[in-house]
């Protein structure tokens, strides 16, 4: 670890595009200003540690979570010939069968031509 002494207003440069400026020194702490590109993440260590711990806890799956996920999963159906999307065994629709034409409401009436 590099340890440096700085006074208020003095800066430190990290790489080509990160600048840390000492803003204020008090008895209970130091205020720092950090200029960094938007794609560089800057976090206080204690906040990052708390966030990491909370994410790890939330990601744990217990038995009730697994059971709830199983209830959301659609029931398995055996796959066999003639089953699956686009086949006769699929769910019924209101669409006419393939090749059929809708009924012509004017059929059987005279148009006078």
PDB file of N, CA and C in Angstrom:
ATOM      1  N   UNK A   1       0.845  -1.170   0.000  1.00  0.00           N
ATOM      2  CA  UNK A   1       0.000   0.000   0.000  1.00  0.00           C
ATOM      3  C   UNK A   1       0.893   1.237   0.000  1.00  0.00           C
ATOM      4  N   UNK A   2       0.584   2.149  -0.867  1.00  0.00           N
ATOM      5  CA  UNK A   2       1.288   3.426  -0.937  1.00  0.00           C
ATOM      6  C   UNK A   2       0.625   4.390   0.034  1.00  0.00           C
ATOM      7  N   UNK A   3       1.394   5.015   0.905  1.00  0.00           N
ATOM      8  CA  UNK A   3       0.863   5.980   1.871  1.00  0.00           C
ATOM      9  C   UNK A   3       1.426   7.349   1.523  1.00  0.00           C
ATOM     10  N   UNK A   4       0.537   8.328   1.330  1.00  0.00           N
ATOM     11  CA  UNK A   4       0.940   9.685   0.960  1.00  0.00           C
ATOM     12  C   UNK A   4       0.363  10.692   1.934  1.00  0.00           C
ATOM     13  N   UNK A   5       1.057  11.779   2.114  1.00  0.00           N
ATOM     14  CA  UNK A   5       0.544  12.896   2.913  1.00  0.00           C
ATOM     15  C   UNK A   5       0.102  13.986   1.952  1.00  0.00           C
ATOM     16  N   UNK A   6      -1.092  14.524   2.164  1.00  0.00           N
ATOM     17  CA  UNK A   6      -1.629  15.592   1.320  1.00  0.00           C
ATOM     18  C   UNK A   6      -2.290  16.626   2.205  1.00  0.00           C
ATOM     19  N   UNK A   7      -2.347  17.849   1.742  1.00  0.00           N
ATOM     20  CA  UNK A   7      -3.030  18.936   2.448  1.00  0.00           C
ATOM     21  C   UNK A   7      -4.277  19.313   1.664  1.00  0.00           C
ATOM     22  N   UNK A   8      -5.136  20.108   2.292  1.00  0.00           N
ATOM     23  CA  UNK A   8      -6.365  20.548   1.645  1.00  0.00           C
ATOM     24  C   UNK A   8      -6.017  21.223   0.316  1.00  0.00           C
ATOM     25  N   UNK A   9      -6.738  20.839  -0.721  1.00  0.00           N
ATOM     26  CA  UNK A   9      -6.537  21.399  -2.053  1.00  0.00           C
ATOM     27  C   UNK A   9      -5.523  20.635  -2.888  1.00  0.00           C
ATOM     28  N   UNK A  10      -4.720  19.807  -2.268  1.00  0.00           N
ATOM     29  CA  UNK A  10      -3.732  19.038  -3.025  1.00  0.00           C
ATOM     30  C   UNK A  10      -4.407  17.819  -3.658  1.00  0.00           C
ATOM     31  N   UNK A  11      -3.830  17.382  -4.760  1.00  0.00           N
ATOM     32  CA  UNK A  11      -4.441  16.288  -5.521  1.00  0.00           C
ATOM     33  C   UNK A  11      -3.481  15.129  -5.700  1.00  0.00           C
ATOM     34  N   UNK A  12      -4.073  14.034  -6.077  1.00  0.00           N
ATOM     35  CA  UNK A  12      -3.304  12.851  -6.420  1.00  0.00           C
ATOM     36  C   UNK A  12      -3.910  12.280  -7.698  1.00  0.00           C
ATOM     37  N   UNK A  13      -3.061  11.852  -8.600  1.00  0.00           N
ATOM     38  CA  UNK A  13      -3.515  11.360  -9.893  1.00  0.00           C
ATOM     39  C   UNK A  13      -3.269   9.855  -9.959  1.00  0.00           C
ATOM     40  N   UNK A  14      -4.299   9.129 -10.344  1.00  0.00           N
ATOM     41  CA  UNK A  14      -4.206   7.674 -10.485  1.00  0.00           C
ATOM     42  C   UNK A  14      -4.415   7.362 -11.962  1.00  0.00           C
ATOM     43  N   UNK A  15      -3.421   6.749 -12.565  1.00  0.00           N
ATOM     44  CA  UNK A  15      -3.503   6.472 -13.999  1.00  0.00           C
ATOM     45  C   UNK A  15      -3.550   7.770 -14.777  1.00  0.00           C
ATOM     46  N   UNK A  16      -4.231   7.739 -15.919  1.00  0.00           N
ATOM     47  CA  UNK A  16      -4.316   8.927 -16.767  1.00  0.00           C
ATOM     48  C   UNK A  16      -5.559   9.761 -16.516  1.00  0.00           C
ATOM     49  N   UNK A  17      -6.573   9.183 -15.877  1.00  0.00           N
ATOM     50  CA  UNK A  17      -7.845   9.894 -15.845  1.00  0.00           C
ATOM     51  C   UNK A  17      -8.576   9.888 -14.504  1.00  0.00           C
ATOM     52  N   UNK A  18      -7.898   9.590 -13.420  1.00  0.00           N
ATOM     53  CA  UNK A  18      -8.533   9.636 -12.098  1.00  0.00           C
ATOM     54  C   UNK A  18      -7.756  10.620 -11.238  1.00  0.00           C
ATOM     55  N   UNK A  19      -8.486  11.596 -10.664  1.00  0.00           N
ATOM     56  CA  UNK A  19      -7.862  12.603  -9.809  1.00  0.00           C
ATOM     57  C   UNK A  19      -8.590  12.613  -8.471  1.00  0.00           C
ATOM     58  N   UNK A  20      -7.831  12.486  -7.382  1.00  0.00           N
ATOM     59  CA  UNK A  20      -8.383  12.533  -6.029  1.00  0.00           C
ATOM     60  C   UNK A  20      -7.896  13.831  -5.397  1.00  0.00           C
ATOM     61  N   UNK A  21      -8.834  14.652  -4.909  1.00  0.00           N
ATOM     62  CA  UNK A  21      -8.502  15.940  -4.308  1.00  0.00           C
ATOM     63  C   UNK A  21      -8.904  15.932  -2.845  1.00  0.00           C
ATOM     64  N   UNK A  22      -8.028  16.424  -1.959  1.00  0.00           N
ATOM     65  CA  UNK A  22      -8.367  16.566  -0.541  1.00  0.00           C
ATOM     66  C   UNK A  22      -9.208  17.830  -0.429  1.00  0.00           C
ATOM     67  N   UNK A  23     -10.451  17.681  -0.030  1.00  0.00           N
ATOM     68  CA  UNK A  23     -11.391  18.795   0.065  1.00  0.00           C
ATOM     69  C   UNK A  23     -11.359  19.429   1.449  1.00  0.00           C
ATOM     70  N   UNK A  24     -11.354  18.601   2.478  1.00  0.00           N
ATOM     71  CA  UNK A  24     -11.441  19.114   3.849  1.00  0.00           C
ATOM     72  C   UNK A  24     -10.837  18.091   4.805  1.00  0.00           C
ATOM     73  N   UNK A  25     -10.164  18.596   5.836  1.00  0.00           N
ATOM     74  CA  UNK A  25      -9.623  17.735   6.886  1.00  0.00           C
ATOM     75  C   UNK A  25     -10.255  18.181   8.192  1.00  0.00           C
ATOM     76  N   UNK A  26     -10.889  17.254   8.900  1.00  0.00           N
ATOM     77  CA  UNK A  26     -11.511  17.537  10.198  1.00  0.00           C
ATOM     78  C   UNK A  26     -10.975  16.539  11.205  1.00  0.00           C
ATOM     79  N   UNK A  27     -11.339  16.756  12.447  1.00  0.00           N
ATOM     80  CA  UNK A  27     -10.866  15.845  13.492  1.00  0.00           C
ATOM     81  C   UNK A  27     -11.480  14.452  13.353  1.00  0.00           C
ATOM     82  N   UNK A  28     -12.681  14.375  12.758  1.00  0.00           N
ATOM     83  CA  UNK A  28     -13.354  13.074  12.648  1.00  0.00           C
ATOM     84  C   UNK A  28     -13.237  12.442  11.262  1.00  0.00           C
ATOM     85  N   UNK A  29     -12.527  13.066  10.329  1.00  0.00           N
ATOM     86  CA  UNK A  29     -12.381  12.446   9.014  1.00  0.00           C
ATOM     87  C   UNK A  29     -11.866  13.402   7.961  1.00  0.00           C
ATOM     88  N   UNK A  30     -11.734  12.887   6.782  1.00  0.00           N
ATOM     89  CA  UNK A  30     -11.226  13.638   5.640  1.00  0.00           C
ATOM     90  C   UNK A  30     -12.264  13.555   4.529  1.00  0.00           C
ATOM     91  N   UNK A  31     -12.519  14.675   3.855  1.00  0.00           N
ATOM     92  CA  UNK A  31     -13.415  14.672   2.698  1.00  0.00           C
ATOM     93  C   UNK A  31     -12.559  14.678   1.447  1.00  0.00           C
ATOM     94  N   UNK A  32     -12.862  13.762   0.550  1.00  0.00           N
ATOM     95  CA  UNK A  32     -12.121  13.631  -0.697  1.00  0.00           C
ATOM     96  C   UNK A  32     -13.060  13.860  -1.874  1.00  0.00           C
ATOM     97  N   UNK A  33     -12.529  14.470  -2.912  1.00  0.00           N
ATOM     98  CA  UNK A  33     -13.255  14.599  -4.169  1.00  0.00           C
ATOM     99  C   UNK A  33     -12.587  13.687  -5.182  1.00  0.00           C
ATOM    100  N   UNK A  34     -13.369  12.945  -5.933  1.00  0.00           N
ATOM    101  CA  UNK A  34     -12.815  11.988  -6.888  1.00  0.00           C
ATOM    102  C   UNK A  34     -13.381  12.288  -8.270  1.00  0.00           C
ATOM    103  N   UNK A  35     -12.500  12.590  -9.205  1.00  0.00           N
ATOM    104  CA  UNK A  35     -12.884  12.762 -10.606  1.00  0.00           C
ATOM    105  C   UNK A  35     -12.432  11.512 -11.348  1.00  0.00           C
ATOM    106  N   UNK A  36     -13.407  10.788 -11.894  1.00  0.00           N
ATOM    107  CA  UNK A  36     -13.099   9.548 -12.617  1.00  0.00           C
ATOM    108  C   UNK A  36     -14.095   9.397 -13.760  1.00  0.00           C
ATOM    109  N   UNK A  37     -13.724   8.669 -14.799  1.00  0.00           N
ATOM    110  CA  UNK A  37     -14.673   8.412 -15.893  1.00  0.00           C
ATOM    111  C   UNK A  37     -15.898   7.651 -15.380  1.00  0.00           C
ATOM    112  N   UNK A  38     -17.011   7.805 -16.076  1.00  0.00           N
ATOM    113  CA  UNK A  38     -18.259   7.151 -15.649  1.00  0.00           C
ATOM    114  C   UNK A  38     -18.149   5.635 -15.596  1.00  0.00           C
ATOM    115  N   UNK A  39     -17.292   5.052 -16.417  1.00  0.00           N
ATOM    116  CA  UNK A  39     -17.195   3.591 -16.428  1.00  0.00           C
ATOM    117  C   UNK A  39     -16.326   3.044 -15.299  1.00  0.00           C
ATOM    118  N   UNK A  40     -15.731   3.922 -14.483  1.00  0.00           N
ATOM    119  CA  UNK A  40     -14.939   3.487 -13.326  1.00  0.00           C
ATOM    120  C   UNK A  40     -15.848   3.536 -12.105  1.00  0.00           C
ATOM    121  N   UNK A  41     -16.037   2.396 -11.468  1.00  0.00           N
ATOM    122  CA  UNK A  41     -16.889   2.336 -10.278  1.00  0.00           C
ATOM    123  C   UNK A  41     -16.099   2.814  -9.072  1.00  0.00           C
ATOM    124  N   UNK A  42     -16.690   3.719  -8.298  1.00  0.00           N
ATOM    125  CA  UNK A  42     -16.066   4.226  -7.076  1.00  0.00           C
ATOM    126  C   UNK A  42     -17.067   4.015  -5.947  1.00  0.00           C
ATOM    127  N   UNK A  43     -16.694   3.207  -4.950  1.00  0.00           N
ATOM    128  CA  UNK A  43     -17.577   2.900  -3.822  1.00  0.00           C
ATOM    129  C   UNK A  43     -16.797   3.006  -2.522  1.00  0.00           C
ATOM    130  N   UNK A  44     -17.514   3.369  -1.464  1.00  0.00           N
ATOM    131  CA  UNK A  44     -16.916   3.250  -0.129  1.00  0.00           C
ATOM    132  C   UNK A  44     -16.888   1.762   0.196  1.00  0.00           C
ATOM    133  N   UNK A  45     -15.802   1.305   0.784  1.00  0.00           N
ATOM    134  CA  UNK A  45     -15.616  -0.134   1.029  1.00  0.00           C
ATOM    135  C   UNK A  45     -16.739  -0.719   1.880  1.00  0.00           C
ATOM    136  N   UNK A  46     -17.158  -0.016   2.941  1.00  0.00           N
ATOM    137  CA  UNK A  46     -18.185  -0.577   3.822  1.00  0.00           C
ATOM    138  C   UNK A  46     -19.528  -0.710   3.109  1.00  0.00           C
ATOM    139  N   UNK A  47     -19.834   0.199   2.195  1.00  0.00           N
ATOM    140  CA  UNK A  47     -21.083   0.104   1.441  1.00  0.00           C
ATOM    141  C   UNK A  47     -21.011  -1.066   0.457  1.00  0.00           C
ATOM    142  N   UNK A  48     -19.886  -1.214  -0.218  1.00  0.00           N
ATOM    143  CA  UNK A  48     -19.709  -2.316  -1.158  1.00  0.00           C
ATOM    144  C   UNK A  48     -19.784  -3.668  -0.451  1.00  0.00           C
ATOM    145  N   UNK A  49     -19.177  -3.770   0.729  1.00  0.00           N
ATOM    146  CA  UNK A  49     -19.229  -5.024   1.494  1.00  0.00           C
ATOM    147  C   UNK A  49     -20.655  -5.349   1.919  1.00  0.00           C
ATOM    148  N   UNK A  50     -21.403  -4.335   2.379  1.00  0.00           N
ATOM    149  CA  UNK A  50     -22.793  -4.560   2.789  1.00  0.00           C
ATOM    150  C   UNK A  50     -23.654  -4.973   1.596  1.00  0.00           C
ATOM    151  N   UNK A  51     -23.431  -4.339   0.454  1.00  0.00           N
ATOM    152  CA  UNK A  51     -24.189  -4.676  -0.747  1.00  0.00           C
ATOM    153  C   UNK A  51     -23.881  -6.095  -1.214  1.00  0.00           C
ATOM    154  N   UNK A  52     -22.624  -6.466  -1.179  1.00  0.00           N
ATOM    155  CA  UNK A  52     -22.221  -7.817  -1.571  1.00  0.00           C
ATOM    156  C   UNK A  52     -22.852  -8.859  -0.651  1.00  0.00           C
ATOM    157  N   UNK A  53     -22.850  -8.586   0.652  1.00  0.00           N
ATOM    158  CA  UNK A  53     -23.449  -9.520   1.611  1.00  0.00           C
ATOM    159  C   UNK A  53     -24.960  -9.631   1.395  1.00  0.00           C
ATOM    160  N   UNK A  54     -25.627  -8.501   1.146  1.00  0.00           N
ATOM    161  CA  UNK A  54     -27.074  -8.525   0.922  1.00  0.00           C
ATOM    162  C   UNK A  54     -27.412  -9.295  -0.355  1.00  0.00           C
ATOM    163  N   UNK A  55     -26.625  -9.112  -1.404  1.00  0.00           N
ATOM    164  CA  UNK A  55     -26.865  -9.844  -2.654  1.00  0.00           C
ATOM    165  C   UNK A  55     -26.655 -11.340  -2.468  1.00  0.00           C
ATOM    166  N   UNK A  56     -25.635 -11.715  -1.719  1.00  0.00           N
ATOM    167  CA  UNK A  56     -25.375 -13.136  -1.470  1.00  0.00           C
ATOM    168  C   UNK A  56     -26.525 -13.755  -0.683  1.00  0.00           C
ATOM    169  N   UNK A  57     -27.050 -13.032   0.295  1.00  0.00           N
ATOM    170  CA  UNK A  57     -28.165 -13.529   1.102  1.00  0.00           C
ATOM    171  C   UNK A  57     -29.419 -13.671   0.241  1.00  0.00           C
ATOM    172  N   UNK A  58     -29.670 -12.690  -0.611  1.00  0.00           N
ATOM    173  CA  UNK A  58     -30.860 -12.731  -1.465  1.00  0.00           C
ATOM    174  C   UNK A  58     -30.773 -13.853  -2.493  1.00  0.00           C
ATOM    175  N   UNK A  59     -29.570 -14.224  -2.888  1.00  0.00           N
ATOM    176  CA  UNK A  59     -29.397 -15.256  -3.911  1.00  0.00           C
ATOM    177  C   UNK A  59     -29.547 -16.666  -3.353  1.00  0.00           C
ATOM    178  N   UNK A  60     -29.518 -16.809  -2.038  1.00  0.00           N
ATOM    179  CA  UNK A  60     -29.663 -18.138  -1.445  1.00  0.00           C
ATOM    180  C   UNK A  60     -31.087 -18.639  -1.659  1.00  0.00           C
ATOM    181  N   UNK A  61     -31.222 -19.847  -2.154  1.00  0.00           N
ATOM    182  CA  UNK A  61     -32.539 -20.446  -2.354  1.00  0.00           C
ATOM    183  C   UNK A  61     -32.777 -21.458  -1.245  1.00  0.00           C
ATOM    184  N   UNK A  62     -33.870 -21.276  -0.519  1.00  0.00           N
ATOM    185  CA  UNK A  62     -34.205 -22.259   0.505  1.00  0.00           C
ATOM    186  C   UNK A  62     -35.290 -23.191  -0.052  1.00  0.00           C
ATOM    187  N   UNK A  63     -35.758 -24.115   0.763  1.00  0.00           N
ATOM    188  CA  UNK A  63     -36.736 -25.098   0.298  1.00  0.00           C
ATOM    189  C   UNK A  63     -38.041 -24.446  -0.158  1.00  0.00           C
ATOM    190  N   UNK A  64     -38.483 -23.384   0.539  1.00  0.00           N
ATOM    191  CA  UNK A  64     -39.741 -22.747   0.153  1.00  0.00           C
ATOM    192  C   UNK A  64     -39.600 -22.043  -1.192  1.00  0.00           C
ATOM    193  N   UNK A  65     -38.431 -21.482  -1.475  1.00  0.00           N
ATOM    194  CA  UNK A  65     -38.209 -20.831  -2.767  1.00  0.00           C
ATOM    195  C   UNK A  65     -38.237 -21.862  -3.884  1.00  0.00           C
ATOM    196  N   UNK A  66     -37.577 -22.975  -3.686  1.00  0.00           N
ATOM    197  CA  UNK A  66     -37.554 -24.033  -4.698  1.00  0.00           C
ATOM    198  C   UNK A  66     -38.964 -24.570  -4.937  1.00  0.00           C
ATOM    199  N   UNK A  67     -39.743 -24.744  -3.875  1.00  0.00           N
ATOM    200  CA  UNK A  67     -41.114 -25.241  -4.017  1.00  0.00           C
ATOM    201  C   UNK A  67     -41.970 -24.232  -4.783  1.00  0.00           C
ATOM    202  N   UNK A  68     -41.802 -22.954  -4.494  1.00  0.00           N
ATOM    203  CA  UNK A  68     -42.566 -21.920  -5.195  1.00  0.00           C
ATOM    204  C   UNK A  68     -42.215 -21.903  -6.679  1.00  0.00           C
ATOM    205  N   UNK A  69     -40.957 -22.073  -7.006  1.00  0.00           N
ATOM    206  CA  UNK A  69     -40.551 -22.114  -8.412  1.00  0.00           C
ATOM    207  C   UNK A  69     -41.128 -23.334  -9.122  1.00  0.00           C
ATOM    208  N   UNK A  70     -41.187 -24.465  -8.430  1.00  0.00           N
ATOM    209  CA  UNK A  70     -41.774 -25.666  -9.033  1.00  0.00           C
ATOM    210  C   UNK A  70     -43.265 -25.466  -9.309  1.00  0.00           C
ATOM    211  N   UNK A  71     -43.960 -24.739  -8.421  1.00  0.00           N
ATOM    212  CA  UNK A  71     -45.388 -24.488  -8.631  1.00  0.00           C
ATOM    213  C   UNK A  71     -45.612 -23.586  -9.844  1.00  0.00           C
ATOM    214  N   UNK A  72     -44.672 -22.717 -10.157  1.00  0.00           N
ATOM    215  CA  UNK A  72     -44.816 -21.814 -11.293  1.00  0.00           C
ATOM    216  C   UNK A  72     -44.513 -22.493 -12.621  1.00  0.00           C
ATOM    217  N   UNK A  73     -43.798 -23.599 -12.582  1.00  0.00           N
ATOM    218  CA  UNK A  73     -43.404 -24.304 -13.798  1.00  0.00           C
ATOM    219  C   UNK A  73     -44.608 -25.049 -14.358  1.00  0.00           C
ATOM    220  N   UNK A  74     -44.873 -24.933 -15.676  1.00  0.00           N
ATOM    221  CA  UNK A  74     -46.006 -25.664 -16.248  1.00  0.00           C
ATOM    222  C   UNK A  74     -45.762 -27.165 -16.156  1.00  0.00           C
ATOM    223  N   UNK A  75     -46.838 -27.953 -16.043  1.00  0.00           N
ATOM    224  CA  UNK A  75     -46.665 -29.407 -15.938  1.00  0.00           C
ATOM    225  C   UNK A  75     -46.052 -29.965 -17.215  1.00  0.00           C
ATOM    226  N   UNK A  76     -45.251 -30.976 -17.056  1.00  0.00           N
ATOM    227  CA  UNK A  76     -44.597 -31.621 -18.198  1.00  0.00           C
ATOM    228  C   UNK A  76     -45.605 -32.498 -18.915  1.00  0.00           C
ATOM    229  N   UNK A  77     -45.572 -32.482 -20.241  1.00  0.00           N
ATOM    230  CA  UNK A  77     -46.432 -33.358 -21.034  1.00  0.00           C
ATOM    231  C   UNK A  77     -45.533 -34.266 -21.851  1.00  0.00           C
ATOM    232  N   UNK A  78     -45.950 -35.512 -22.028  1.00  0.00           N
ATOM    233  CA  UNK A  78     -45.103 -36.429 -22.798  1.00  0.00           C
ATOM    234  C   UNK A  78     -45.031 -35.981 -24.251  1.00  0.00           C
ATOM    235  N   UNK A  79     -43.857 -35.990 -24.801  1.00  0.00           N
ATOM    236  CA  UNK A  79     -43.663 -35.620 -26.202  1.00  0.00           C
ATOM    237  C   UNK A  79     -43.748 -36.877 -27.040  1.00  0.00           C
ATOM    238  N   UNK A  80     -44.631 -36.868 -27.984  1.00  0.00           N
ATOM    239  CA  UNK A  80     -44.776 -38.022 -28.855  1.00  0.00           C
ATOM    240  C   UNK A  80     -45.189 -37.562 -30.234  1.00  0.00           C
ATOM    241  N   UNK A  81     -45.375 -38.485 -31.155  1.00  0.00           N
ATOM    242  CA  UNK A  81     -45.780 -38.092 -32.501  1.00  0.00           C
ATOM    243  C   UNK A  81     -47.131 -37.401 -32.465  1.00  0.00           C
ATOM    244  N   UNK A  82     -47.260 -36.341 -33.218  1.00  0.00           N
ATOM    245  CA  UNK A  82     -48.535 -35.634 -33.293  1.00  0.00           C
ATOM    246  C   UNK A  82     -48.776 -34.678 -32.153  1.00  0.00           C
ATOM    247  N   UNK A  83     -47.785 -34.433 -31.315  1.00  0.00           N
ATOM    248  CA  UNK A  83     -47.966 -33.476 -30.233  1.00  0.00           C
ATOM    249  C   UNK A  83     -46.975 -32.348 -30.410  1.00  0.00           C
ATOM    250  N   UNK A  84     -47.302 -31.243 -29.830  1.00  0.00           N
ATOM    251  CA  UNK A  84     -46.399 -30.105 -29.889  1.00  0.00           C
ATOM    252  C   UNK A  84     -47.041 -28.937 -30.611  1.00  0.00           C
ATOM    253  N   UNK A  85     -46.356 -27.826 -30.687  1.00  0.00           N
ATOM    254  CA  UNK A  85     -46.914 -26.625 -31.319  1.00  0.00           C
ATOM    255  C   UNK A  85     -47.232 -26.861 -32.792  1.00  0.00           C
ATOM    256  N   UNK A  86     -48.382 -26.349 -33.224  1.00  0.00           N
ATOM    257  CA  UNK A  86     -48.746 -26.428 -34.632  1.00  0.00           C
ATOM    258  C   UNK A  86     -49.316 -27.762 -35.075  1.00  0.00           C
ATOM    259  N   UNK A  87     -49.652 -28.657 -34.148  1.00  0.00           N
ATOM    260  CA  UNK A  87     -50.213 -29.951 -34.519  1.00  0.00           C
ATOM    261  C   UNK A  87     -51.644 -30.025 -34.032  1.00  0.00           C
ATOM    262  N   UNK A  88     -52.352 -31.059 -34.458  1.00  0.00           N
ATOM    263  CA  UNK A  88     -53.752 -31.217 -34.082  1.00  0.00           C
ATOM    264  C   UNK A  88     -53.915 -31.376 -32.584  1.00  0.00           C
ATOM    265  N   UNK A  89     -52.907 -31.846 -31.899  1.00  0.00           N
ATOM    266  CA  UNK A  89     -53.006 -32.054 -30.463  1.00  0.00           C
ATOM    267  C   UNK A  89     -52.799 -30.760 -29.693  1.00  0.00           C
ATOM    268  N   UNK A  90     -52.525 -29.666 -30.404  1.00  0.00           N
ATOM    269  CA  UNK A  90     -52.320 -28.385 -29.740  1.00  0.00           C
ATOM    270  C   UNK A  90     -53.647 -27.850 -29.241  1.00  0.00           C
ATOM    271  N   UNK A  91     -53.590 -26.784 -28.491  1.00  0.00           N
ATOM    272  CA  UNK A  91     -54.787 -26.162 -27.947  1.00  0.00           C
ATOM    273  C   UNK A  91     -55.678 -25.683 -29.089  1.00  0.00           C
ATOM    274  N   UNK A  92     -57.017 -25.800 -28.932  1.00  0.00           N
ATOM    275  CA  UNK A  92     -57.927 -25.383 -29.995  1.00  0.00           C
ATOM    276  C   UNK A  92     -57.873 -23.871 -30.191  1.00  0.00           C
ATOM    277  N   UNK A  93     -58.145 -23.449 -31.440  1.00  0.00           N
ATOM    278  CA  UNK A  93     -58.184 -22.018 -31.743  1.00  0.00           C
ATOM    279  C   UNK A  93     -59.471 -21.726 -32.478  1.00  0.00           C
ATOM    280  N   UNK A  94     -59.780 -20.452 -32.648  1.00  0.00           N
ATOM    281  CA  UNK A  94     -60.961 -20.040 -33.396  1.00  0.00           C
ATOM    282  C   UNK A  94     -60.661 -19.904 -34.885  1.00  0.00           C
ATOM    283  N   UNK A  95     -59.435 -20.107 -35.294  1.00  0.00           N
ATOM    284  CA  UNK A  95     -59.045 -19.960 -36.695  1.00  0.00           C
ATOM    285  C   UNK A  95     -59.595 -21.124 -37.512  1.00  0.00           C
ATOM    286  N   UNK A  96     -59.962 -20.856 -38.778  1.00  0.00           N
ATOM    287  CA  UNK A  96     -60.450 -21.958 -39.625  1.00  0.00           C
ATOM    288  C   UNK A  96     -59.320 -22.925 -39.921  1.00  0.00           C
ATOM    289  N   UNK A  97     -59.642 -24.178 -40.228  1.00  0.00           N
ATOM    290  CA  UNK A  97     -58.601 -25.156 -40.546  1.00  0.00           C
ATOM    291  C   UNK A  97     -57.797 -24.692 -41.754  1.00  0.00           C
ATOM    292  N   UNK A  98     -56.597 -25.193 -41.863  1.00  0.00           N
ATOM    293  CA  UNK A  98     -55.728 -24.828 -42.970  1.00  0.00           C
ATOM    294  C   UNK A  98     -56.395 -25.158 -44.294  1.00  0.00           C
ATOM    295  N   UNK A  99     -56.376 -24.206 -45.238  1.00  0.00           N
ATOM    296  CA  UNK A  99     -56.975 -24.420 -46.548  1.00  0.00           C
ATOM    297  C   UNK A  99     -58.440 -24.028 -46.610  1.00  0.00           C
ATOM    298  N   UNK A 100     -59.098 -23.829 -45.491  1.00  0.00           N
ATOM    299  CA  UNK A 100     -60.506 -23.456 -45.482  1.00  0.00           C
ATOM    300  C   UNK A 100     -60.624 -21.959 -45.712  1.00  0.00           C
ATOM    301  N   UNK A 101     -61.743 -21.557 -46.310  1.00  0.00           N
ATOM    302  CA  UNK A 101     -61.993 -20.132 -46.507  1.00  0.00           C
ATOM    303  C   UNK A 101     -63.176 -19.746 -45.659  1.00  0.00           C
ATOM    304  N   UNK A 102     -63.187 -18.517 -45.181  1.00  0.00           N
ATOM    305  CA  UNK A 102     -64.325 -18.102 -44.355  1.00  0.00           C
ATOM    306  C   UNK A 102     -65.604 -18.081 -45.189  1.00  0.00           C
ATOM    307  N   UNK A 103     -66.732 -18.256 -44.537  1.00  0.00           N
ATOM    308  CA  UNK A 103     -68.020 -18.258 -45.230  1.00  0.00           C
ATOM    309  C   UNK A 103     -68.249 -16.895 -45.858  1.00  0.00           C
ATOM    310  N   UNK A 104     -68.808 -16.902 -47.093  1.00  0.00           N
ATOM    311  CA  UNK A 104     -69.087 -15.654 -47.796  1.00  0.00           C
ATOM    312  C   UNK A 104     -70.517 -15.254 -47.469  1.00  0.00           C
ATOM    313  N   UNK A 105     -70.691 -14.128 -46.746  1.00  0.00           N
ATOM    314  CA  UNK A 105     -72.055 -13.744 -46.363  1.00  0.00           C
ATOM    315  C   UNK A 105     -72.925 -13.398 -47.564  1.00  0.00           C
ATOM    316  N   UNK A 106     -72.318 -13.064 -48.698  1.00  0.00           N
ATOM    317  CA  UNK A 106     -73.126 -12.708 -49.869  1.00  0.00           C
ATOM    318  C   UNK A 106     -73.423 -13.910 -50.755  1.00  0.00           C
ATOM    319  N   UNK A 107     -72.980 -15.089 -50.376  1.00  0.00           N
ATOM    320  CA  UNK A 107     -73.210 -16.285 -51.192  1.00  0.00           C
ATOM    321  C   UNK A 107     -74.701 -16.553 -51.296  1.00  0.00           C
ATOM    322  N   UNK A 108     -75.155 -16.841 -52.499  1.00  0.00           N
ATOM    323  CA  UNK A 108     -76.563 -17.174 -52.712  1.00  0.00           C
ATOM    324  C   UNK A 108     -77.432 -15.953 -52.906  1.00  0.00           C
ATOM    325  N   UNK A 109     -76.867 -14.773 -52.912  1.00  0.00           N
ATOM    326  CA  UNK A 109     -77.683 -13.583 -53.145  1.00  0.00           C
ATOM    327  C   UNK A 109     -77.318 -13.007 -54.496  1.00  0.00           C
ATOM    328  N   UNK A 110     -78.236 -12.364 -55.089  1.00  0.00           N
ATOM    329  CA  UNK A 110     -78.015 -11.788 -56.408  1.00  0.00           C
ATOM    330  C   UNK A 110     -77.528 -10.365 -56.258  1.00  0.00           C
ATOM    331  N   UNK A 111     -76.532 -10.007 -57.070  1.00  0.00           N
ATOM    332  CA  UNK A 111     -76.019  -8.642 -57.039  1.00  0.00           C
ATOM    333  C   UNK A 111     -76.617  -7.825 -58.164  1.00  0.00           C
ATOM    334  N   UNK A 112     -77.324  -8.441 -59.045  1.00  0.00           N
ATOM    335  CA  UNK A 112     -77.973  -7.738 -60.134  1.00  0.00           C
ATOM    336  C   UNK A 112     -77.038  -7.401 -61.273  1.00  0.00           C
ATOM    337  N   UNK A 113     -75.933  -8.018 -61.370  1.00  0.00           N
ATOM    338  CA  UNK A 113     -75.011  -7.744 -62.480  1.00  0.00           C
ATOM    339  C   UNK A 113     -75.168  -8.709 -63.584  1.00  0.00           C
TER     340      UNK A 113
END
